[in-house]
Amino acid sequence: MDEESRFQDEAIAETARALGHPARVRIVRLLLDRQRCIGGDIVEDVGLAQSTVSEHLRILKQAGIVVGEIERPRVCYSLSSKRLKLLSELISQVESCC
């Protein structure tokens, strides 16, 4: 296995771990529907405490799934397709073989 394949496998695993909580999946779905979202809107829509949502967003950002842009006084979040694309490609390969 070459270095690039190992890197991709690690990235896919990290993405899958980050999506391994229902609240984080809800955040991703919310961002899919809205394209961009202000942090406070996410808290309202997900229905969890602000500190809990912040922790979920931190995990999603660390995994490269979500990016946050500071637009004073708010932070606006959006999806980053780079990591999600790797996971999507793997799922497509599984679907086509089975």
PDB file of N, CA and C in Angstrom:
ATOM      1  N   MET A   1       0.847  -1.173   0.000  1.00  0.00           N
ATOM      2  CA  MET A   1       0.000   0.000   0.000  1.00  0.00           C
ATOM      3  C   MET A   1       0.895   1.238   0.000  1.00  0.00           C
ATOM      4  N   ASP A   2       0.601   2.167  -0.899  1.00  0.00           N
ATOM      5  CA  ASP A   2       1.429   3.364  -1.007  1.00  0.00           C
ATOM      6  C   ASP A   2       1.052   4.406   0.064  1.00  0.00           C
ATOM      7  N   GLU A   3       1.874   5.411   0.167  1.00  0.00           N
ATOM      8  CA  GLU A   3       1.705   6.455   1.188  1.00  0.00           C
ATOM      9  C   GLU A   3       0.399   7.226   1.008  1.00  0.00           C
ATOM     10  N   GLU A   4       0.040   7.518  -0.224  1.00  0.00           N
ATOM     11  CA  GLU A   4      -1.199   8.256  -0.495  1.00  0.00           C
ATOM     12  C   GLU A   4      -2.423   7.450  -0.051  1.00  0.00           C
ATOM     13  N   SER A   5      -2.419   6.157  -0.311  1.00  0.00           N
ATOM     14  CA  SER A   5      -3.538   5.305   0.114  1.00  0.00           C
ATOM     15  C   SER A   5      -3.641   5.267   1.632  1.00  0.00           C
ATOM     16  N   ARG A   6      -2.523   5.184   2.298  1.00  0.00           N
ATOM     17  CA  ARG A   6      -2.536   5.197   3.772  1.00  0.00           C
ATOM     18  C   ARG A   6      -3.101   6.501   4.299  1.00  0.00           C
ATOM     19  N   PHE A   7      -2.674   7.608   3.700  1.00  0.00           N
ATOM     20  CA  PHE A   7      -3.181   8.914   4.111  1.00  0.00           C
ATOM     21  C   PHE A   7      -4.690   8.982   3.925  1.00  0.00           C
ATOM     22  N   GLN A   8      -5.173   8.522   2.767  1.00  0.00           N
ATOM     23  CA  GLN A   8      -6.608   8.545   2.498  1.00  0.00           C
ATOM     24  C   GLN A   8      -7.373   7.654   3.470  1.00  0.00           C
ATOM     25  N   ASP A   9      -6.832   6.480   3.776  1.00  0.00           N
ATOM     26  CA  ASP A   9      -7.488   5.582   4.727  1.00  0.00           C
ATOM     27  C   ASP A   9      -7.590   6.224   6.104  1.00  0.00           C
ATOM     28  N   GLU A  10      -6.538   6.886   6.539  1.00  0.00           N
ATOM     29  CA  GLU A  10      -6.559   7.578   7.837  1.00  0.00           C
ATOM     30  C   GLU A  10      -7.568   8.722   7.823  1.00  0.00           C
ATOM     31  N   ALA A  11      -7.630   9.461   6.724  1.00  0.00           N
ATOM     32  CA  ALA A  11      -8.578  10.570   6.610  1.00  0.00           C
ATOM     33  C   ALA A  11     -10.018  10.057   6.639  1.00  0.00           C
ATOM     34  N   ILE A  12     -10.286   8.963   5.940  1.00  0.00           N
ATOM     35  CA  ILE A  12     -11.627   8.378   5.933  1.00  0.00           C
ATOM     36  C   ILE A  12     -12.008   7.910   7.331  1.00  0.00           C
ATOM     37  N   ALA A  13     -11.089   7.259   8.026  1.00  0.00           N
ATOM     38  CA  ALA A  13     -11.361   6.776   9.383  1.00  0.00           C
ATOM     39  C   ALA A  13     -11.632   7.941  10.329  1.00  0.00           C
ATOM     40  N   GLU A  14     -10.856   9.005  10.207  1.00  0.00           N
ATOM     41  CA  GLU A  14     -11.065  10.178  11.066  1.00  0.00           C
ATOM     42  C   GLU A  14     -12.428  10.810  10.773  1.00  0.00           C
ATOM     43  N   THR A  15     -12.796  10.875   9.512  1.00  0.00           N
ATOM     44  CA  THR A  15     -14.093  11.424   9.135  1.00  0.00           C
ATOM     45  C   THR A  15     -15.216  10.571   9.712  1.00  0.00           C
ATOM     46  N   ALA A  16     -15.086   9.267   9.589  1.00  0.00           N
ATOM     47  CA  ALA A  16     -16.111   8.362  10.113  1.00  0.00           C
ATOM     48  C   ALA A  16     -16.234   8.490  11.634  1.00  0.00           C
ATOM     49  N   ARG A  17     -15.106   8.598  12.323  1.00  0.00           N
ATOM     50  CA  ARG A  17     -15.151   8.777  13.790  1.00  0.00           C
ATOM     51  C   ARG A  17     -15.869  10.079  14.147  1.00  0.00           C
ATOM     52  N   ALA A  18     -15.566  11.134  13.414  1.00  0.00           N
ATOM     53  CA  ALA A  18     -16.183  12.426  13.697  1.00  0.00           C
ATOM     54  C   ALA A  18     -17.688  12.400  13.460  1.00  0.00           C
ATOM     55  N   LEU A  19     -18.126  11.596  12.514  1.00  0.00           N
ATOM     56  CA  LEU A  19     -19.558  11.490  12.223  1.00  0.00           C
ATOM     57  C   LEU A  19     -20.249  10.449  13.103  1.00  0.00           C
ATOM     58  N   GLY A  20     -19.515   9.892  14.046  1.00  0.00           N
ATOM     59  CA  GLY A  20     -20.027   8.805  14.870  1.00  0.00           C
ATOM     60  C   GLY A  20     -20.922   9.230  16.023  1.00  0.00           C
ATOM     61  N   HIS A  21     -21.507  10.400  15.965  1.00  0.00           N
ATOM     62  CA  HIS A  21     -22.432  10.845  17.003  1.00  0.00           C
ATOM     63  C   HIS A  21     -23.640  11.477  16.316  1.00  0.00           C
ATOM     64  N   PRO A  22     -24.846  11.139  16.749  1.00  0.00           N
ATOM     65  CA  PRO A  22     -26.044  11.659  16.091  1.00  0.00           C
ATOM     66  C   PRO A  22     -26.109  13.191  16.035  1.00  0.00           C
ATOM     67  N   ALA A  23     -25.632  13.864  17.064  1.00  0.00           N
ATOM     68  CA  ALA A  23     -25.661  15.334  17.054  1.00  0.00           C
ATOM     69  C   ALA A  23     -24.768  15.891  15.951  1.00  0.00           C
ATOM     70  N   ARG A  24     -23.633  15.251  15.714  1.00  0.00           N
ATOM     71  CA  ARG A  24     -22.742  15.724  14.651  1.00  0.00           C
ATOM     72  C   ARG A  24     -23.337  15.444  13.280  1.00  0.00           C
ATOM     73  N   VAL A  25     -24.034  14.333  13.142  1.00  0.00           N
ATOM     74  CA  VAL A  25     -24.730  14.047  11.879  1.00  0.00           C
ATOM     75  C   VAL A  25     -25.822  15.100  11.662  1.00  0.00           C
ATOM     76  N   ARG A  26     -26.542  15.477  12.731  1.00  0.00           N
ATOM     77  CA  ARG A  26     -27.570  16.525  12.603  1.00  0.00           C
ATOM     78  C   ARG A  26     -26.968  17.849  12.171  1.00  0.00           C
ATOM     79  N   ILE A  27     -25.796  18.183  12.705  1.00  0.00           N
ATOM     80  CA  ILE A  27     -25.120  19.421  12.326  1.00  0.00           C
ATOM     81  C   ILE A  27     -24.766  19.380  10.842  1.00  0.00           C
ATOM     82  N   VAL A  28     -24.238  18.260  10.373  1.00  0.00           N
ATOM     83  CA  VAL A  28     -23.894  18.128   8.953  1.00  0.00           C
ATOM     84  C   VAL A  28     -25.153  18.263   8.095  1.00  0.00           C
ATOM     85  N   ARG A  29     -26.237  17.610   8.488  1.00  0.00           N
ATOM     86  CA  ARG A  29     -27.495  17.728   7.733  1.00  0.00           C
ATOM     87  C   ARG A  29     -27.979  19.174   7.697  1.00  0.00           C
ATOM     88  N   LEU A  30     -27.879  19.854   8.822  1.00  0.00           N
ATOM     89  CA  LEU A  30     -28.285  21.253   8.905  1.00  0.00           C
ATOM     90  C   LEU A  30     -27.461  22.110   7.943  1.00  0.00           C
ATOM     91  N   LEU A  31     -26.159  21.881   7.921  1.00  0.00           N
ATOM     92  CA  LEU A  31     -25.296  22.642   7.026  1.00  0.00           C
ATOM     93  C   LEU A  31     -25.537  22.274   5.560  1.00  0.00           C
ATOM     94  N   LEU A  32     -25.928  21.052   5.292  1.00  0.00           N
ATOM     95  CA  LEU A  32     -26.304  20.665   3.926  1.00  0.00           C
ATOM     96  C   LEU A  32     -27.534  21.447   3.464  1.00  0.00           C
ATOM     97  N   ASP A  33     -28.498  21.594   4.361  1.00  0.00           N
ATOM     98  CA  ASP A  33     -29.736  22.302   4.026  1.00  0.00           C
ATOM     99  C   ASP A  33     -29.517  23.798   3.849  1.00  0.00           C
ATOM    100  N   ARG A  34     -28.629  24.365   4.653  1.00  0.00           N
ATOM    101  CA  ARG A  34     -28.488  25.823   4.675  1.00  0.00           C
ATOM    102  C   ARG A  34     -27.229  26.356   4.017  1.00  0.00           C
ATOM    103  N   GLN A  35     -26.288  25.507   3.686  1.00  0.00           N
ATOM    104  CA  GLN A  35     -25.003  25.903   3.094  1.00  0.00           C
ATOM    105  C   GLN A  35     -24.094  26.603   4.107  1.00  0.00           C
ATOM    106  N   ARG A  36     -24.608  27.550   4.855  1.00  0.00           N
ATOM    107  CA  ARG A  36     -23.856  28.279   5.886  1.00  0.00           C
ATOM    108  C   ARG A  36     -24.773  28.461   7.080  1.00  0.00           C
ATOM    109  N   CYS A  37     -24.196  28.514   8.247  1.00  0.00           N
ATOM    110  CA  CYS A  37     -25.008  28.640   9.440  1.00  0.00           C
ATOM    111  C   CYS A  37     -24.232  29.368  10.528  1.00  0.00           C
ATOM    112  N   ILE A  38     -24.902  30.249  11.215  1.00  0.00           N
ATOM    113  CA  ILE A  38     -24.295  30.938  12.346  1.00  0.00           C
ATOM    114  C   ILE A  38     -24.391  30.019  13.558  1.00  0.00           C
ATOM    115  N   GLY A  39     -23.365  30.043  14.377  1.00  0.00           N
ATOM    116  CA  GLY A  39     -23.290  29.150  15.534  1.00  0.00           C
ATOM    117  C   GLY A  39     -24.551  29.118  16.376  1.00  0.00           C
ATOM    118  N   GLY A  40     -25.144  30.275  16.640  1.00  0.00           N
ATOM    119  CA  GLY A  40     -26.360  30.337  17.449  1.00  0.00           C
ATOM    120  C   GLY A  40     -27.525  29.610  16.806  1.00  0.00           C
ATOM    121  N   ASP A  41     -27.599  29.664  15.476  1.00  0.00           N
ATOM    122  CA  ASP A  41     -28.660  28.944  14.762  1.00  0.00           C
ATOM    123  C   ASP A  41     -28.502  27.441  14.932  1.00  0.00           C
ATOM    124  N   ILE A  42     -27.267  26.984  14.924  1.00  0.00           N
ATOM    125  CA  ILE A  42     -27.004  25.555  15.088  1.00  0.00           C
ATOM    126  C   ILE A  42     -27.461  25.106  16.469  1.00  0.00           C
ATOM    127  N   VAL A  43     -27.151  25.902  17.488  1.00  0.00           N
ATOM    128  CA  VAL A  43     -27.557  25.576  18.860  1.00  0.00           C
ATOM    129  C   VAL A  43     -29.071  25.443  18.932  1.00  0.00           C
ATOM    130  N   GLU A  44     -29.792  26.395  18.355  1.00  0.00           N
ATOM    131  CA  GLU A  44     -31.263  26.348  18.371  1.00  0.00           C
ATOM    132  C   GLU A  44     -31.798  25.116  17.659  1.00  0.00           C
ATOM    133  N   ASP A  45     -31.278  24.848  16.483  1.00  0.00           N
ATOM    134  CA  ASP A  45     -31.813  23.764  15.661  1.00  0.00           C
ATOM    135  C   ASP A  45     -31.449  22.376  16.167  1.00  0.00           C
ATOM    136  N   VAL A  46     -30.273  22.233  16.760  1.00  0.00           N
ATOM    137  CA  VAL A  46     -29.850  20.932  17.262  1.00  0.00           C
ATOM    138  C   VAL A  46     -30.485  20.649  18.618  1.00  0.00           C
ATOM    139  N   GLY A  47     -30.766  21.708  19.371  1.00  0.00           N
ATOM    140  CA  GLY A  47     -31.460  21.547  20.647  1.00  0.00           C
ATOM    141  C   GLY A  47     -30.578  21.073  21.791  1.00  0.00           C
ATOM    142  N   LEU A  48     -29.302  21.387  21.719  1.00  0.00           N
ATOM    143  CA  LEU A  48     -28.370  21.043  22.793  1.00  0.00           C
ATOM    144  C   LEU A  48     -27.775  22.321  23.365  1.00  0.00           C
ATOM    145  N   ALA A  49     -27.133  22.203  24.496  1.00  0.00           N
ATOM    146  CA  ALA A  49     -26.492  23.360  25.119  1.00  0.00           C
ATOM    147  C   ALA A  49     -25.402  23.916  24.210  1.00  0.00           C
ATOM    148  N   GLN A  50     -25.171  25.203  24.317  1.00  0.00           N
ATOM    149  CA  GLN A  50     -24.170  25.866  23.485  1.00  0.00           C
ATOM    150  C   GLN A  50     -22.807  25.226  23.643  1.00  0.00           C
ATOM    151  N   SER A  51     -22.422  24.881  24.867  1.00  0.00           N
ATOM    152  CA  SER A  51     -21.107  24.273  25.092  1.00  0.00           C
ATOM    153  C   SER A  51     -21.009  22.891  24.441  1.00  0.00           C
ATOM    154  N   THR A  52     -22.100  22.153  24.438  1.00  0.00           N
ATOM    155  CA  THR A  52     -22.121  20.827  23.806  1.00  0.00           C
ATOM    156  C   THR A  52     -22.005  20.955  22.288  1.00  0.00           C
ATOM    157  N   VAL A  53     -22.740  21.893  21.715  1.00  0.00           N
ATOM    158  CA  VAL A  53     -22.663  22.124  20.272  1.00  0.00           C
ATOM    159  C   VAL A  53     -21.256  22.588  19.898  1.00  0.00           C
ATOM    160  N   SER A  54     -20.669  23.456  20.710  1.00  0.00           N
ATOM    161  CA  SER A  54     -19.301  23.918  20.444  1.00  0.00           C
ATOM    162  C   SER A  54     -18.319  22.759  20.409  1.00  0.00           C
ATOM    163  N   GLU A  55     -18.479  21.809  21.316  1.00  0.00           N
ATOM    164  CA  GLU A  55     -17.597  20.639  21.338  1.00  0.00           C
ATOM    165  C   GLU A  55     -17.793  19.788  20.084  1.00  0.00           C
ATOM    166  N   HIS A  56     -19.041  19.594  19.674  1.00  0.00           N
ATOM    167  CA  HIS A  56     -19.305  18.831  18.453  1.00  0.00           C
ATOM    168  C   HIS A  56     -18.719  19.548  17.233  1.00  0.00           C
ATOM    169  N   LEU A  57     -18.863  20.859  17.179  1.00  0.00           N
ATOM    170  CA  LEU A  57     -18.289  21.626  16.078  1.00  0.00           C
ATOM    171  C   LEU A  57     -16.764  21.539  16.088  1.00  0.00           C
ATOM    172  N   ARG A  58     -16.173  21.549  17.258  1.00  0.00           N
ATOM    173  CA  ARG A  58     -14.715  21.422  17.360  1.00  0.00           C
ATOM    174  C   ARG A  58     -14.247  20.100  16.753  1.00  0.00           C
ATOM    175  N   ILE A  59     -14.950  19.024  17.063  1.00  0.00           N
ATOM    176  CA  ILE A  59     -14.604  17.700  16.539  1.00  0.00           C
ATOM    177  C   ILE A  59     -14.773  17.672  15.020  1.00  0.00           C
ATOM    178  N   LEU A  60     -15.859  18.232  14.521  1.00  0.00           N
ATOM    179  CA  LEU A  60     -16.087  18.274  13.079  1.00  0.00           C
ATOM    180  C   LEU A  60     -15.048  19.134  12.371  1.00  0.00           C
ATOM    181  N   LYS A  61     -14.658  20.240  12.994  1.00  0.00           N
ATOM    182  CA  LYS A  61     -13.615  21.095  12.408  1.00  0.00           C
ATOM    183  C   LYS A  61     -12.269  20.386  12.411  1.00  0.00           C
ATOM    184  N   GLN A  62     -11.948  19.726  13.507  1.00  0.00           N
ATOM    185  CA  GLN A  62     -10.674  19.005  13.612  1.00  0.00           C
ATOM    186  C   GLN A  62     -10.572  17.914  12.550  1.00  0.00           C
ATOM    187  N   ALA A  63     -11.700  17.282  12.235  1.00  0.00           N
ATOM    188  CA  ALA A  63     -11.716  16.230  11.217  1.00  0.00           C
ATOM    189  C   ALA A  63     -11.745  16.798   9.795  1.00  0.00           C
ATOM    190  N   GLY A  64     -11.851  18.113   9.667  1.00  0.00           N
ATOM    191  CA  GLY A  64     -11.861  18.734   8.347  1.00  0.00           C
ATOM    192  C   GLY A  64     -13.207  18.676   7.645  1.00  0.00           C
ATOM    193  N   ILE A  65     -14.271  18.401   8.393  1.00  0.00           N
ATOM    194  CA  ILE A  65     -15.608  18.288   7.825  1.00  0.00           C
ATOM    195  C   ILE A  65     -16.296  19.654   7.769  1.00  0.00           C
ATOM    196  N   VAL A  66     -16.023  20.468   8.767  1.00  0.00           N
ATOM    197  CA  VAL A  66     -16.648  21.782   8.905  1.00  0.00           C
ATOM    198  C   VAL A  66     -15.559  22.837   8.997  1.00  0.00           C
ATOM    199  N   VAL A  67     -15.837  23.991   8.413  1.00  0.00           N
ATOM    200  CA  VAL A  67     -14.950  25.150   8.573  1.00  0.00           C
ATOM    201  C   VAL A  67     -15.765  26.270   9.195  1.00  0.00           C
ATOM    202  N   GLY A  68     -15.090  27.082   9.994  1.00  0.00           N
ATOM    203  CA  GLY A  68     -15.736  28.216  10.627  1.00  0.00           C
ATOM    204  C   GLY A  68     -15.041  29.502  10.232  1.00  0.00           C
ATOM    205  N   GLU A  69     -15.825  30.476   9.802  1.00  0.00           N
ATOM    206  CA  GLU A  69     -15.287  31.778   9.432  1.00  0.00           C
ATOM    207  C   GLU A  69     -15.813  32.813  10.409  1.00  0.00           C
ATOM    208  N   ILE A  70     -14.909  33.590  10.950  1.00  0.00           N
ATOM    209  CA  ILE A  70     -15.302  34.622  11.900  1.00  0.00           C
ATOM    210  C   ILE A  70     -15.821  35.818  11.120  1.00  0.00           C
ATOM    211  N   GLU A  71     -17.057  36.178  11.400  1.00  0.00           N
ATOM    212  CA  GLU A  71     -17.684  37.375  10.855  1.00  0.00           C
ATOM    213  C   GLU A  71     -18.218  38.129  12.059  1.00  0.00           C
ATOM    214  N   ARG A  72     -17.367  38.907  12.650  1.00  0.00           N
ATOM    215  CA  ARG A  72     -17.667  39.579  13.914  1.00  0.00           C
ATOM    216  C   ARG A  72     -19.096  40.050  13.974  1.00  0.00           C
ATOM    217  N   PRO A  73     -19.809  39.803  15.022  1.00  0.00           N
ATOM    218  CA  PRO A  73     -19.408  39.118  16.250  1.00  0.00           C
ATOM    219  C   PRO A  73     -19.724  37.626  16.226  1.00  0.00           C
ATOM    220  N   ARG A  74     -19.975  37.061  15.062  1.00  0.00           N
ATOM    221  CA  ARG A  74     -20.407  35.665  14.959  1.00  0.00           C
ATOM    222  C   ARG A  74     -19.370  34.808  14.251  1.00  0.00           C
ATOM    223  N   VAL A  75     -19.584  33.495  14.386  1.00  0.00           N
ATOM    224  CA  VAL A  75     -18.822  32.532  13.594  1.00  0.00           C
ATOM    225  C   VAL A  75     -19.823  31.825  12.690  1.00  0.00           C
ATOM    226  N   CYS A  76     -19.536  31.814  11.400  1.00  0.00           N
ATOM    227  CA  CYS A  76     -20.397  31.151  10.422  1.00  0.00           C
ATOM    228  C   CYS A  76     -19.727  29.843  10.002  1.00  0.00           C
ATOM    229  N   TYR A  77     -20.483  28.776  10.015  1.00  0.00           N
ATOM    230  CA  TYR A  77     -19.958  27.451   9.716  1.00  0.00           C
ATOM    231  C   TYR A  77     -20.472  26.966   8.369  1.00  0.00           C
ATOM    232  N   SER A  78     -19.646  26.188   7.696  1.00  0.00           N
ATOM    233  CA  SER A  78     -20.044  25.554   6.436  1.00  0.00           C
ATOM    234  C   SER A  78     -19.291  24.229   6.311  1.00  0.00           C
ATOM    235  N   LEU A  79     -19.748  23.400   5.374  1.00  0.00           N
ATOM    236  CA  LEU A  79     -19.110  22.108   5.151  1.00  0.00           C
ATOM    237  C   LEU A  79     -17.881  22.269   4.265  1.00  0.00           C
ATOM    238  N   SER A  80     -16.922  21.408   4.494  1.00  0.00           N
ATOM    239  CA  SER A  80     -15.741  21.325   3.642  1.00  0.00           C
ATOM    240  C   SER A  80     -15.816  19.987   2.916  1.00  0.00           C
ATOM    241  N   SER A  81     -15.913  20.031   1.624  1.00  0.00           N
ATOM    242  CA  SER A  81     -16.169  18.803   0.863  1.00  0.00           C
ATOM    243  C   SER A  81     -14.955  17.893   0.721  1.00  0.00           C
ATOM    244  N   LYS A  82     -13.765  18.399   0.999  1.00  0.00           N
ATOM    245  CA  LYS A  82     -12.543  17.614   0.763  1.00  0.00           C
ATOM    246  C   LYS A  82     -12.567  16.264   1.488  1.00  0.00           C
ATOM    247  N   ARG A  83     -12.778  16.278   2.787  1.00  0.00           N
ATOM    248  CA  ARG A  83     -12.791  15.025   3.555  1.00  0.00           C
ATOM    249  C   ARG A  83     -14.030  14.199   3.274  1.00  0.00           C
ATOM    250  N   LEU A  84     -15.157  14.874   3.119  1.00  0.00           N
ATOM    251  CA  LEU A  84     -16.396  14.145   2.856  1.00  0.00           C
ATOM    252  C   LEU A  84     -16.348  13.441   1.509  1.00  0.00           C
ATOM    253  N   LYS A  85     -15.613  14.003   0.574  1.00  0.00           N
ATOM    254  CA  LYS A  85     -15.497  13.392  -0.758  1.00  0.00           C
ATOM    255  C   LYS A  85     -14.812  12.025  -0.675  1.00  0.00           C
ATOM    256  N   LEU A  86     -13.763  11.923   0.145  1.00  0.00           N
ATOM    257  CA  LEU A  86     -13.069  10.639   0.301  1.00  0.00           C
ATOM    258  C   LEU A  86     -14.012   9.565   0.848  1.00  0.00           C
ATOM    259  N   LEU A  87     -14.794   9.931   1.858  1.00  0.00           N
ATOM    260  CA  LEU A  87     -15.746   8.996   2.441  1.00  0.00           C
ATOM    261  C   LEU A  87     -16.829   8.630   1.421  1.00  0.00           C
ATOM    262  N   SER A  88     -17.305   9.614   0.691  1.00  0.00           N
ATOM    263  CA  SER A  88     -18.325   9.376  -0.330  1.00  0.00           C
ATOM    264  C   SER A  88     -17.820   8.427  -1.412  1.00  0.00           C
ATOM    265  N   GLU A  89     -16.579   8.599  -1.835  1.00  0.00           N
ATOM    266  CA  GLU A  89     -16.005   7.723  -2.857  1.00  0.00           C
ATOM    267  C   GLU A  89     -15.911   6.280  -2.352  1.00  0.00           C
ATOM    268  N   LEU A  90     -15.514   6.102  -1.094  1.00  0.00           N
ATOM    269  CA  LEU A  90     -15.438   4.759  -0.521  1.00  0.00           C
ATOM    270  C   LEU A  90     -16.831   4.117  -0.478  1.00  0.00           C
ATOM    271  N   ILE A  91     -17.823   4.885  -0.033  1.00  0.00           N
ATOM    272  CA  ILE A  91     -19.183   4.355   0.039  1.00  0.00           C
ATOM    273  C   ILE A  91     -19.693   3.989  -1.361  1.00  0.00           C
ATOM    274  N   SER A  92     -19.375   4.805  -2.342  1.00  0.00           N
ATOM    275  CA  SER A  92     -19.785   4.500  -3.729  1.00  0.00           C
ATOM    276  C   SER A  92     -19.151   3.195  -4.216  1.00  0.00           C
ATOM    277  N   GLN A  93     -17.888   2.983  -3.870  1.00  0.00           N
ATOM    278  CA  GLN A  93     -17.222   1.742  -4.264  1.00  0.00           C
ATOM    279  C   GLN A  93     -17.889   0.539  -3.612  1.00  0.00           C
ATOM    280  N   VAL A  94     -18.265   0.685  -2.351  1.00  0.00           N
ATOM    281  CA  VAL A  94     -18.946  -0.416  -1.647  1.00  0.00           C
ATOM    282  C   VAL A  94     -20.297  -0.689  -2.287  1.00  0.00           C
ATOM    283  N   GLU A  95     -21.031   0.375  -2.592  1.00  0.00           N
ATOM    284  CA  GLU A  95     -22.350   0.213  -3.198  1.00  0.00           C
ATOM    285  C   GLU A  95     -22.259  -0.483  -4.553  1.00  0.00           C
ATOM    286  N   SER A  96     -21.247  -0.133  -5.340  1.00  0.00           N
ATOM    287  CA  SER A  96     -21.146  -0.697  -6.685  1.00  0.00           C
ATOM    288  C   SER A  96     -20.711  -2.166  -6.679  1.00  0.00           C
ATOM    289  N   CYS A  97     -20.037  -2.603  -5.654  1.00  0.00           N
ATOM    290  CA  CYS A  97     -19.596  -3.993  -5.620  1.00  0.00           C
ATOM    291  C   CYS A  97     -20.616  -4.925  -4.968  1.00  0.00           C
ATOM    292  N   CYS A  98     -21.496  -4.369  -4.177  1.00  0.00           N
ATOM    293  CA  CYS A  98     -22.444  -5.202  -3.427  1.00  0.00           C
ATOM    294  C   CYS A  98     -23.828  -5.044  -3.984  1.00  0.00           C
TER     295      CYS A  98
END
